[in-house]
């Protein structure tokens, strides 16, 4: 399960297991795939 949260919300997560993942995109994928399979350009 994945979610995007603000730092303030992340700090309130209780539990031993918290993982942070950072994704880097070199392109605006919404433009590259615009109109395909229901992807909308932002």
PDB file of N, CA and C in Angstrom:
ATOM      1  N   UNK A   1       0.847  -1.176   0.000  1.00  0.00           N
ATOM      2  CA  UNK A   1       0.000   0.000   0.000  1.00  0.00           C
ATOM      3  C   UNK A   1       0.888   1.234   0.000  1.00  0.00           C
ATOM      4  N   UNK A   2       0.523   2.224  -0.790  1.00  0.00           N
ATOM      5  CA  UNK A   2       1.317   3.431  -0.907  1.00  0.00           C
ATOM      6  C   UNK A   2       0.440   4.643  -0.656  1.00  0.00           C
ATOM      7  N   UNK A   3       1.035   5.672  -0.105  1.00  0.00           N
ATOM      8  CA  UNK A   3       0.325   6.929   0.098  1.00  0.00           C
ATOM      9  C   UNK A   3       1.326   8.065   0.110  1.00  0.00           C
ATOM     10  N   UNK A   4       0.861   9.247  -0.179  1.00  0.00           N
ATOM     11  CA  UNK A   4       1.680  10.454  -0.099  1.00  0.00           C
ATOM     12  C   UNK A   4       1.130  11.284   1.047  1.00  0.00           C
ATOM     13  N   UNK A   5       1.986  11.607   2.004  1.00  0.00           N
ATOM     14  CA  UNK A   5       1.545  12.372   3.173  1.00  0.00           C
ATOM     15  C   UNK A   5       2.500  13.527   3.432  1.00  0.00           C
ATOM     16  N   UNK A   6       1.998  14.512   4.147  1.00  0.00           N
ATOM     17  CA  UNK A   6       2.840  15.631   4.565  1.00  0.00           C
ATOM     18  C   UNK A   6       3.684  15.195   5.756  1.00  0.00           C
ATOM     19  N   UNK A   7       4.765  15.916   6.010  1.00  0.00           N
ATOM     20  CA  UNK A   7       5.650  15.576   7.127  1.00  0.00           C
ATOM     21  C   UNK A   7       4.913  15.559   8.456  1.00  0.00           C
ATOM     22  N   UNK A   8       4.008  16.503   8.667  1.00  0.00           N
ATOM     23  CA  UNK A   8       3.279  16.570   9.934  1.00  0.00           C
ATOM     24  C   UNK A   8       2.439  15.310  10.137  1.00  0.00           C
ATOM     25  N   UNK A   9       1.817  14.825   9.084  1.00  0.00           N
ATOM     26  CA  UNK A   9       1.015  13.603   9.187  1.00  0.00           C
ATOM     27  C   UNK A   9       1.914  12.394   9.416  1.00  0.00           C
ATOM     28  N   UNK A  10       3.053  12.351   8.760  1.00  0.00           N
ATOM     29  CA  UNK A  10       3.977  11.224   8.913  1.00  0.00           C
ATOM     30  C   UNK A  10       4.488  11.130  10.346  1.00  0.00           C
ATOM     31  N   UNK A  11       4.738  12.282  10.961  1.00  0.00           N
ATOM     32  CA  UNK A  11       5.250  12.291  12.332  1.00  0.00           C
ATOM     33  C   UNK A  11       4.255  11.708  13.326  1.00  0.00           C
ATOM     34  N   UNK A  12       2.960  11.723  12.990  1.00  0.00           N
ATOM     35  CA  UNK A  12       1.949  11.218  13.921  1.00  0.00           C
ATOM     36  C   UNK A  12       1.675   9.729  13.753  1.00  0.00           C
ATOM     37  N   UNK A  13       2.296   9.082  12.767  1.00  0.00           N
ATOM     38  CA  UNK A  13       2.083   7.650  12.553  1.00  0.00           C
ATOM     39  C   UNK A  13       2.701   6.886  13.707  1.00  0.00           C
ATOM     40  N   UNK A  14       1.899   6.019  14.305  1.00  0.00           N
ATOM     41  CA  UNK A  14       2.385   5.235  15.433  1.00  0.00           C
ATOM     42  C   UNK A  14       2.677   3.820  14.954  1.00  0.00           C
ATOM     43  N   UNK A  15       3.753   3.260  15.438  1.00  0.00           N
ATOM     44  CA  UNK A  15       4.121   1.901  15.062  1.00  0.00           C
ATOM     45  C   UNK A  15       5.622   1.798  14.875  1.00  0.00           C
ATOM     46  N   UNK A  16       6.093   0.571  14.893  1.00  0.00           N
ATOM     47  CA  UNK A  16       7.529   0.349  14.778  1.00  0.00           C
ATOM     48  C   UNK A  16       8.005   0.394  13.335  1.00  0.00           C
ATOM     49  N   UNK A  17       7.146   0.015  12.423  1.00  0.00           N
ATOM     50  CA  UNK A  17       7.565  -0.077  11.028  1.00  0.00           C
ATOM     51  C   UNK A  17       7.045   1.107  10.229  1.00  0.00           C
ATOM     52  N   UNK A  18       7.939   1.984   9.866  1.00  0.00           N
ATOM     53  CA  UNK A  18       7.625   3.091   8.974  1.00  0.00           C
ATOM     54  C   UNK A  18       8.705   3.096   7.902  1.00  0.00           C
ATOM     55  N   UNK A  19       8.302   3.138   6.666  1.00  0.00           N
ATOM     56  CA  UNK A  19       9.238   3.117   5.553  1.00  0.00           C
ATOM     57  C   UNK A  19       9.004   4.337   4.684  1.00  0.00           C
ATOM     58  N   UNK A  20      10.087   4.953   4.261  1.00  0.00           N
ATOM     59  CA  UNK A  20       9.992   6.107   3.369  1.00  0.00           C
ATOM     60  C   UNK A  20      10.566   5.702   2.028  1.00  0.00           C
ATOM     61  N   UNK A  21       9.824   5.980   0.984  1.00  0.00           N
ATOM     62  CA  UNK A  21      10.305   5.736  -0.369  1.00  0.00           C
ATOM     63  C   UNK A  21      10.221   7.027  -1.153  1.00  0.00           C
ATOM     64  N   UNK A  22      11.243   7.317  -1.911  1.00  0.00           N
ATOM     65  CA  UNK A  22      11.267   8.535  -2.722  1.00  0.00           C
ATOM     66  C   UNK A  22      11.381   8.122  -4.181  1.00  0.00           C
ATOM     67  N   UNK A  23      10.459   8.620  -4.989  1.00  0.00           N
ATOM     68  CA  UNK A  23      10.487   8.335  -6.418  1.00  0.00           C
ATOM     69  C   UNK A  23      10.906   9.588  -7.151  1.00  0.00           C
ATOM     70  N   UNK A  24      11.792   9.435  -8.113  1.00  0.00           N
ATOM     71  CA  UNK A  24      12.229  10.571  -8.918  1.00  0.00           C
ATOM     72  C   UNK A  24      11.844  10.310 -10.366  1.00  0.00           C
ATOM     73  N   UNK A  25      11.143  11.268 -10.950  1.00  0.00           N
ATOM     74  CA  UNK A  25      10.756  11.158 -12.344  1.00  0.00           C
ATOM     75  C   UNK A  25      11.490  12.226 -13.130  1.00  0.00           C
ATOM     76  N   UNK A  26      12.115  11.821 -14.223  1.00  0.00           N
ATOM     77  CA  UNK A  26      12.818  12.764 -15.087  1.00  0.00           C
ATOM     78  C   UNK A  26      11.886  13.407 -16.105  1.00  0.00           C
ATOM     79  N   UNK A  27      10.706  12.836 -16.267  1.00  0.00           N
ATOM     80  CA  UNK A  27       9.748  13.336 -17.247  1.00  0.00           C
ATOM     81  C   UNK A  27       8.406  13.554 -16.566  1.00  0.00           C
ATOM     82  N   UNK A  28       7.572  14.357 -17.197  1.00  0.00           N
ATOM     83  CA  UNK A  28       6.190  14.492 -16.749  1.00  0.00           C
ATOM     84  C   UNK A  28       5.403  13.376 -17.428  1.00  0.00           C
ATOM     85  N   UNK A  29       5.212  12.273 -16.719  1.00  0.00           N
ATOM     86  CA  UNK A  29       4.588  11.104 -17.316  1.00  0.00           C
ATOM     87  C   UNK A  29       3.141  11.347 -17.710  1.00  0.00           C
ATOM     88  N   UNK A  30       2.471  12.296 -17.066  1.00  0.00           N
ATOM     89  CA  UNK A  30       1.083  12.569 -17.428  1.00  0.00           C
ATOM     90  C   UNK A  30       0.991  13.129 -18.841  1.00  0.00           C
ATOM     91  N   UNK A  31       2.027  13.853 -19.294  1.00  0.00           N
ATOM     92  CA  UNK A  31       2.026  14.371 -20.664  1.00  0.00           C
ATOM     93  C   UNK A  31       2.409  13.278 -21.655  1.00  0.00           C
ATOM     94  N   UNK A  32       3.336  12.429 -21.245  1.00  0.00           N
ATOM     95  CA  UNK A  32       3.790  11.366 -22.138  1.00  0.00           C
ATOM     96  C   UNK A  32       2.682  10.347 -22.417  1.00  0.00           C
ATOM     97  N   UNK A  33       1.864  10.065 -21.403  1.00  0.00           N
ATOM     98  CA  UNK A  33       0.808   9.069 -21.539  1.00  0.00           C
ATOM     99  C   UNK A  33      -0.578   9.693 -21.577  1.00  0.00           C
ATOM    100  N   UNK A  34      -0.672  10.968 -21.856  1.00  0.00           N
ATOM    101  CA  UNK A  34      -1.957  11.661 -21.861  1.00  0.00           C
ATOM    102  C   UNK A  34      -2.935  11.003 -22.829  1.00  0.00           C
ATOM    103  N   UNK A  35      -4.134  10.750 -22.336  1.00  0.00           N
ATOM    104  CA  UNK A  35      -5.172  10.161 -23.164  1.00  0.00           C
ATOM    105  C   UNK A  35      -5.110   8.651 -23.292  1.00  0.00           C
ATOM    106  N   UNK A  36      -4.154   8.027 -22.633  1.00  0.00           N
ATOM    107  CA  UNK A  36      -4.025   6.571 -22.710  1.00  0.00           C
ATOM    108  C   UNK A  36      -4.489   5.944 -21.408  1.00  0.00           C
ATOM    109  N   UNK A  37      -5.330   4.986 -21.502  1.00  0.00           N
ATOM    110  CA  UNK A  37      -5.801   4.225 -20.343  1.00  0.00           C
ATOM    111  C   UNK A  37      -6.313   5.109 -19.217  1.00  0.00           C
ATOM    112  N   UNK A  38      -6.979   6.201 -19.549  1.00  0.00           N
ATOM    113  CA  UNK A  38      -7.584   7.047 -18.536  1.00  0.00           C
ATOM    114  C   UNK A  38      -6.630   7.975 -17.827  1.00  0.00           C
ATOM    115  N   UNK A  39      -5.412   8.172 -18.334  1.00  0.00           N
ATOM    116  CA  UNK A  39      -4.450   9.078 -17.708  1.00  0.00           C
ATOM    117  C   UNK A  39      -4.744  10.491 -18.175  1.00  0.00           C
ATOM    118  N   UNK A  40      -4.910  11.402 -17.229  1.00  0.00           N
ATOM    119  CA  UNK A  40      -5.188  12.800 -17.547  1.00  0.00           C
ATOM    120  C   UNK A  40      -3.938  13.635 -17.359  1.00  0.00           C
ATOM    121  N   UNK A  41      -3.706  14.596 -18.242  1.00  0.00           N
ATOM    122  CA  UNK A  41      -2.599  15.541 -18.076  1.00  0.00           C
ATOM    123  C   UNK A  41      -2.943  16.501 -16.959  1.00  0.00           C
ATOM    124  N   UNK A  42      -1.973  16.809 -16.140  1.00  0.00           N
ATOM    125  CA  UNK A  42      -2.202  17.709 -15.003  1.00  0.00           C
ATOM    126  C   UNK A  42      -2.223  19.143 -15.454  1.00  0.00           C
TER     127      UNK A  42
END
